[in-house]
Amino acid sequence: MGVGQHRQSKSRVRKRRAMWKLTAPNHIECPQCHKPTLPHHICPSCGFYKAKEVVSMGE
């Protein structure tokens, strides 16, 4: 088990923790129904992925 030998300053700790921020997921427009969807995922509203119907929505 490691034991720190020297105290780290507040600025050094805060510089390291500055990268811990959350980022919102990117959304793209579905080419079929033009609703926002996550990239590389099946569209939840129309069921298409890469211009092919993967899931039948049963309209």
PDB file of N, CA and C in Angstrom:
ATOM      1  N   MET A   1       0.844  -1.184   0.000  1.00  0.00           N
ATOM      2  CA  MET A   1       0.000   0.000   0.000  1.00  0.00           C
ATOM      3  C   MET A   1       0.881   1.236   0.000  1.00  0.00           C
ATOM      4  N   GLY A   2       0.622   2.123  -0.937  1.00  0.00           N
ATOM      5  CA  GLY A   2       1.471   3.296  -1.069  1.00  0.00           C
ATOM      6  C   GLY A   2       1.151   4.359  -0.031  1.00  0.00           C
ATOM      7  N   VAL A   3       2.192   4.999   0.452  1.00  0.00           N
ATOM      8  CA  VAL A   3       2.051   6.082   1.414  1.00  0.00           C
ATOM      9  C   VAL A   3       2.729   7.303   0.825  1.00  0.00           C
ATOM     10  N   GLY A   4       1.989   8.408   0.729  1.00  0.00           N
ATOM     11  CA  GLY A   4       2.567   9.621   0.164  1.00  0.00           C
ATOM     12  C   GLY A   4       3.686  10.166   1.030  1.00  0.00           C
ATOM     13  N   GLN A   5       4.781  10.580   0.403  1.00  0.00           N
ATOM     14  CA  GLN A   5       5.935  11.080   1.146  1.00  0.00           C
ATOM     15  C   GLN A   5       5.856  12.584   1.376  1.00  0.00           C
ATOM     16  N   HIS A   6       5.193  13.307   0.454  1.00  0.00           N
ATOM     17  CA  HIS A   6       5.111  14.757   0.573  1.00  0.00           C
ATOM     18  C   HIS A   6       3.680  15.201   0.292  1.00  0.00           C
ATOM     19  N   ARG A   7       3.282  16.267   0.939  1.00  0.00           N
ATOM     20  CA  ARG A   7       1.949  16.804   0.730  1.00  0.00           C
ATOM     21  C   ARG A   7       1.893  17.506  -0.620  1.00  0.00           C
ATOM     22  N   GLN A   8       0.809  17.263  -1.368  1.00  0.00           N
ATOM     23  CA  GLN A   8       0.630  17.969  -2.635  1.00  0.00           C
ATOM     24  C   GLN A   8      -0.123  19.262  -2.384  1.00  0.00           C
ATOM     25  N   SER A   9       0.273  20.293  -3.092  1.00  0.00           N
ATOM     26  CA  SER A   9      -0.367  21.590  -2.919  1.00  0.00           C
ATOM     27  C   SER A   9      -1.795  21.560  -3.469  1.00  0.00           C
ATOM     28  N   LYS A  10      -2.594  22.523  -3.041  1.00  0.00           N
ATOM     29  CA  LYS A  10      -3.984  22.606  -3.496  1.00  0.00           C
ATOM     30  C   LYS A  10      -4.055  22.834  -5.000  1.00  0.00           C
ATOM     31  N   SER A  11      -3.164  23.660  -5.531  1.00  0.00           N
ATOM     32  CA  SER A  11      -3.211  23.955  -6.961  1.00  0.00           C
ATOM     33  C   SER A  11      -2.850  22.724  -7.793  1.00  0.00           C
ATOM     34  N   ARG A  12      -1.923  21.911  -7.320  1.00  0.00           N
ATOM     35  CA  ARG A  12      -1.548  20.706  -8.062  1.00  0.00           C
ATOM     36  C   ARG A  12      -2.704  19.696  -8.077  1.00  0.00           C
ATOM     37  N   VAL A  13      -3.380  19.561  -6.949  1.00  0.00           N
ATOM     38  CA  VAL A  13      -4.517  18.641  -6.870  1.00  0.00           C
ATOM     39  C   VAL A  13      -5.666  19.154  -7.733  1.00  0.00           C
ATOM     40  N   ARG A  14      -5.912  20.445  -7.703  1.00  0.00           N
ATOM     41  CA  ARG A  14      -7.029  21.015  -8.466  1.00  0.00           C
ATOM     42  C   ARG A  14      -6.765  20.992  -9.963  1.00  0.00           C
ATOM     43  N   LYS A  15      -5.504  21.101 -10.380  1.00  0.00           N
ATOM     44  CA  LYS A  15      -5.174  20.981 -11.806  1.00  0.00           C
ATOM     45  C   LYS A  15      -5.483  19.575 -12.302  1.00  0.00           C
ATOM     46  N   ARG A  16      -5.184  18.581 -11.494  1.00  0.00           N
ATOM     47  CA  ARG A  16      -5.433  17.204 -11.887  1.00  0.00           C
ATOM     48  C   ARG A  16      -6.930  16.923 -11.925  1.00  0.00           C
ATOM     49  N   ARG A  17      -7.668  17.448 -10.981  1.00  0.00           N
ATOM     50  CA  ARG A  17      -9.103  17.194 -10.899  1.00  0.00           C
ATOM     51  C   ARG A  17      -9.913  18.055 -11.857  1.00  0.00           C
ATOM     52  N   ALA A  18      -9.282  19.001 -12.535  1.00  0.00           N
ATOM     53  CA  ALA A  18      -9.996  19.866 -13.472  1.00  0.00           C
ATOM     54  C   ALA A  18     -10.518  19.080 -14.668  1.00  0.00           C
ATOM     55  N   MET A  19      -9.941  17.910 -14.943  1.00  0.00           N
ATOM     56  CA  MET A  19     -10.348  17.089 -16.080  1.00  0.00           C
ATOM     57  C   MET A  19     -11.494  16.139 -15.737  1.00  0.00           C
ATOM     58  N   TRP A  20     -11.997  16.162 -14.536  1.00  0.00           N
ATOM     59  CA  TRP A  20     -13.052  15.240 -14.108  1.00  0.00           C
ATOM     60  C   TRP A  20     -14.449  15.668 -14.534  1.00  0.00           C
ATOM     61  N   LYS A  21     -14.565  16.696 -15.353  1.00  0.00           N
ATOM     62  CA  LYS A  21     -15.866  17.243 -15.693  1.00  0.00           C
ATOM     63  C   LYS A  21     -16.666  16.281 -16.570  1.00  0.00           C
ATOM     64  N   LEU A  22     -17.972  16.384 -16.500  1.00  0.00           N
ATOM     65  CA  LEU A  22     -18.872  15.582 -17.317  1.00  0.00           C
ATOM     66  C   LEU A  22     -19.146  16.302 -18.632  1.00  0.00           C
ATOM     67  N   THR A  23     -19.322  15.533 -19.682  1.00  0.00           N
ATOM     68  CA  THR A  23     -19.689  16.121 -20.964  1.00  0.00           C
ATOM     69  C   THR A  23     -21.015  15.514 -21.419  1.00  0.00           C
ATOM     70  N   ALA A  24     -21.837  16.331 -22.039  1.00  0.00           N
ATOM     71  CA  ALA A  24     -23.122  15.849 -22.536  1.00  0.00           C
ATOM     72  C   ALA A  24     -22.904  15.015 -23.795  1.00  0.00           C
ATOM     73  N   PRO A  25     -23.700  13.970 -24.011  1.00  0.00           N
ATOM     74  CA  PRO A  25     -23.518  13.156 -25.220  1.00  0.00           C
ATOM     75  C   PRO A  25     -23.925  13.928 -26.471  1.00  0.00           C
ATOM     76  N   ASN A  26     -23.208  13.659 -27.547  1.00  0.00           N
ATOM     77  CA  ASN A  26     -23.517  14.309 -28.825  1.00  0.00           C
ATOM     78  C   ASN A  26     -24.771  13.687 -29.429  1.00  0.00           C
ATOM     79  N   HIS A  27     -25.544  14.508 -30.107  1.00  0.00           N
ATOM     80  CA  HIS A  27     -26.728  14.020 -30.803  1.00  0.00           C
ATOM     81  C   HIS A  27     -26.591  14.362 -32.279  1.00  0.00           C
ATOM     82  N   ILE A  28     -27.082  13.462 -33.128  1.00  0.00           N
ATOM     83  CA  ILE A  28     -27.111  13.710 -34.558  1.00  0.00           C
ATOM     84  C   ILE A  28     -28.559  13.619 -35.022  1.00  0.00           C
ATOM     85  N   GLU A  29     -28.801  14.092 -36.221  1.00  0.00           N
ATOM     86  CA  GLU A  29     -30.152  14.018 -36.765  1.00  0.00           C
ATOM     87  C   GLU A  29     -30.299  12.718 -37.545  1.00  0.00           C
ATOM     88  N   CYS A  30     -31.364  12.001 -37.275  1.00  0.00           N
ATOM     89  CA  CYS A  30     -31.642  10.755 -37.994  1.00  0.00           C
ATOM     90  C   CYS A  30     -31.958  11.093 -39.451  1.00  0.00           C
ATOM     91  N   PRO A  31     -31.304  10.427 -40.418  1.00  0.00           N
ATOM     92  CA  PRO A  31     -31.583  10.759 -41.821  1.00  0.00           C
ATOM     93  C   PRO A  31     -32.977  10.333 -42.292  1.00  0.00           C
ATOM     94  N   GLN A  32     -33.646   9.436 -41.566  1.00  0.00           N
ATOM     95  CA  GLN A  32     -34.973   8.970 -41.972  1.00  0.00           C
ATOM     96  C   GLN A  32     -36.082   9.858 -41.407  1.00  0.00           C
ATOM     97  N   CYS A  33     -36.079  10.030 -40.084  1.00  0.00           N
ATOM     98  CA  CYS A  33     -37.191  10.765 -39.447  1.00  0.00           C
ATOM     99  C   CYS A  33     -36.785  12.146 -38.933  1.00  0.00           C
ATOM    100  N   HIS A  34     -35.508  12.495 -39.030  1.00  0.00           N
ATOM    101  CA  HIS A  34     -34.980  13.812 -38.664  1.00  0.00           C
ATOM    102  C   HIS A  34     -35.164  14.150 -37.188  1.00  0.00           C
ATOM    103  N   LYS A  35     -35.161  13.147 -36.324  1.00  0.00           N
ATOM    104  CA  LYS A  35     -35.216  13.387 -34.895  1.00  0.00           C
ATOM    105  C   LYS A  35     -33.826  13.171 -34.299  1.00  0.00           C
ATOM    106  N   PRO A  36     -33.502  13.813 -33.185  1.00  0.00           N
ATOM    107  CA  PRO A  36     -32.164  13.634 -32.607  1.00  0.00           C
ATOM    108  C   PRO A  36     -31.981  12.228 -32.054  1.00  0.00           C
ATOM    109  N   THR A  37     -30.800  11.674 -32.293  1.00  0.00           N
ATOM    110  CA  THR A  37     -30.473  10.333 -31.817  1.00  0.00           C
ATOM    111  C   THR A  37     -28.981  10.266 -31.522  1.00  0.00           C
ATOM    112  N   LEU A  38     -28.553   9.290 -30.763  1.00  0.00           N
ATOM    113  CA  LEU A  38     -27.142   9.124 -30.463  1.00  0.00           C
ATOM    114  C   LEU A  38     -26.416   8.535 -31.674  1.00  0.00           C
ATOM    115  N   PRO A  39     -25.169   8.948 -31.913  1.00  0.00           N
ATOM    116  CA  PRO A  39     -24.440   8.385 -33.039  1.00  0.00           C
ATOM    117  C   PRO A  39     -24.121   6.906 -32.811  1.00  0.00           C
ATOM    118  N   HIS A  40     -24.115   6.125 -33.889  1.00  0.00           N
ATOM    119  CA  HIS A  40     -23.822   4.685 -33.863  1.00  0.00           C
ATOM    120  C   HIS A  40     -24.843   3.898 -33.045  1.00  0.00           C
ATOM    121  N   HIS A  41     -26.087   4.376 -33.000  1.00  0.00           N
ATOM    122  CA  HIS A  41     -27.170   3.680 -32.308  1.00  0.00           C
ATOM    123  C   HIS A  41     -28.377   3.599 -33.247  1.00  0.00           C
ATOM    124  N   ILE A  42     -29.240   2.647 -32.995  1.00  0.00           N
ATOM    125  CA  ILE A  42     -30.496   2.555 -33.734  1.00  0.00           C
ATOM    126  C   ILE A  42     -31.373   3.725 -33.312  1.00  0.00           C
ATOM    127  N   CYS A  43     -32.050   4.321 -34.263  1.00  0.00           N
ATOM    128  CA  CYS A  43     -32.951   5.430 -33.962  1.00  0.00           C
ATOM    129  C   CYS A  43     -34.133   4.896 -33.147  1.00  0.00           C
ATOM    130  N   PRO A  44     -34.398   5.435 -31.964  1.00  0.00           N
ATOM    131  CA  PRO A  44     -35.491   4.904 -31.141  1.00  0.00           C
ATOM    132  C   PRO A  44     -36.883   5.224 -31.680  1.00  0.00           C
ATOM    133  N   SER A  45     -36.994   6.206 -32.571  1.00  0.00           N
ATOM    134  CA  SER A  45     -38.326   6.557 -33.060  1.00  0.00           C
ATOM    135  C   SER A  45     -38.716   5.822 -34.344  1.00  0.00           C
ATOM    136  N   CYS A  46     -37.739   5.542 -35.231  1.00  0.00           N
ATOM    137  CA  CYS A  46     -38.098   4.881 -36.492  1.00  0.00           C
ATOM    138  C   CYS A  46     -37.466   3.501 -36.651  1.00  0.00           C
ATOM    139  N   GLY A  47     -36.431   3.161 -35.876  1.00  0.00           N
ATOM    140  CA  GLY A  47     -35.830   1.832 -35.932  1.00  0.00           C
ATOM    141  C   GLY A  47     -34.823   1.630 -37.043  1.00  0.00           C
ATOM    142  N   PHE A  48     -34.352   2.709 -37.677  1.00  0.00           N
ATOM    143  CA  PHE A  48     -33.392   2.593 -38.767  1.00  0.00           C
ATOM    144  C   PHE A  48     -31.971   2.777 -38.250  1.00  0.00           C
ATOM    145  N   TYR A  49     -31.015   2.115 -38.922  1.00  0.00           N
ATOM    146  CA  TYR A  49     -29.588   2.299 -38.666  1.00  0.00           C
ATOM    147  C   TYR A  49     -28.868   2.163 -39.997  1.00  0.00           C
ATOM    148  N   LYS A  50     -28.120   3.178 -40.387  1.00  0.00           N
ATOM    149  CA  LYS A  50     -27.402   3.223 -41.666  1.00  0.00           C
ATOM    150  C   LYS A  50     -28.332   2.937 -42.842  1.00  0.00           C
ATOM    151  N   ALA A  51     -29.456   3.621 -42.893  1.00  0.00           N
ATOM    152  CA  ALA A  51     -30.445   3.545 -43.982  1.00  0.00           C
ATOM    153  C   ALA A  51     -31.061   2.161 -44.148  1.00  0.00           C
ATOM    154  N   LYS A  52     -31.014   1.337 -43.119  1.00  0.00           N
ATOM    155  CA  LYS A  52     -31.669   0.027 -43.160  1.00  0.00           C
ATOM    156  C   LYS A  52     -32.580  -0.100 -41.943  1.00  0.00           C
ATOM    157  N   GLU A  53     -33.742  -0.695 -42.128  1.00  0.00           N
ATOM    158  CA  GLU A  53     -34.651  -0.900 -41.002  1.00  0.00           C
ATOM    159  C   GLU A  53     -34.160  -2.095 -40.203  1.00  0.00           C
ATOM    160  N   VAL A  54     -33.751  -1.860 -38.973  1.00  0.00           N
ATOM    161  CA  VAL A  54     -33.212  -2.910 -38.116  1.00  0.00           C
ATOM    162  C   VAL A  54     -34.293  -3.438 -37.180  1.00  0.00           C
ATOM    163  N   VAL A  55     -35.095  -2.534 -36.653  1.00  0.00           N
ATOM    164  CA  VAL A  55     -36.169  -2.894 -35.732  1.00  0.00           C
ATOM    165  C   VAL A  55     -37.479  -2.410 -36.321  1.00  0.00           C
ATOM    166  N   SER A  56     -38.452  -3.296 -36.402  1.00  0.00           N
ATOM    167  CA  SER A  56     -39.767  -2.901 -36.898  1.00  0.00           C
ATOM    168  C   SER A  56     -40.544  -2.238 -35.774  1.00  0.00           C
ATOM    169  N   MET A  57     -41.008  -1.019 -36.036  1.00  0.00           N
ATOM    170  CA  MET A  57     -41.742  -0.281 -35.009  1.00  0.00           C
ATOM    171  C   MET A  57     -43.223  -0.602 -35.032  1.00  0.00           C
ATOM    172  N   GLY A  58     -43.745  -1.254 -36.038  1.00  0.00           N
ATOM    173  CA  GLY A  58     -45.137  -1.694 -36.081  1.00  0.00           C
ATOM    174  C   GLY A  58     -46.137  -0.565 -36.080  1.00  0.00           C
ATOM    175  N   GLU A  59     -46.119   0.248 -37.104  1.00  0.00           N
ATOM    176  CA  GLU A  59     -47.048   1.374 -37.183  1.00  0.00           C
ATOM    177  C   GLU A  59     -48.365   0.956 -37.771  1.00  0.00           C
TER     178      GLU A  59
END
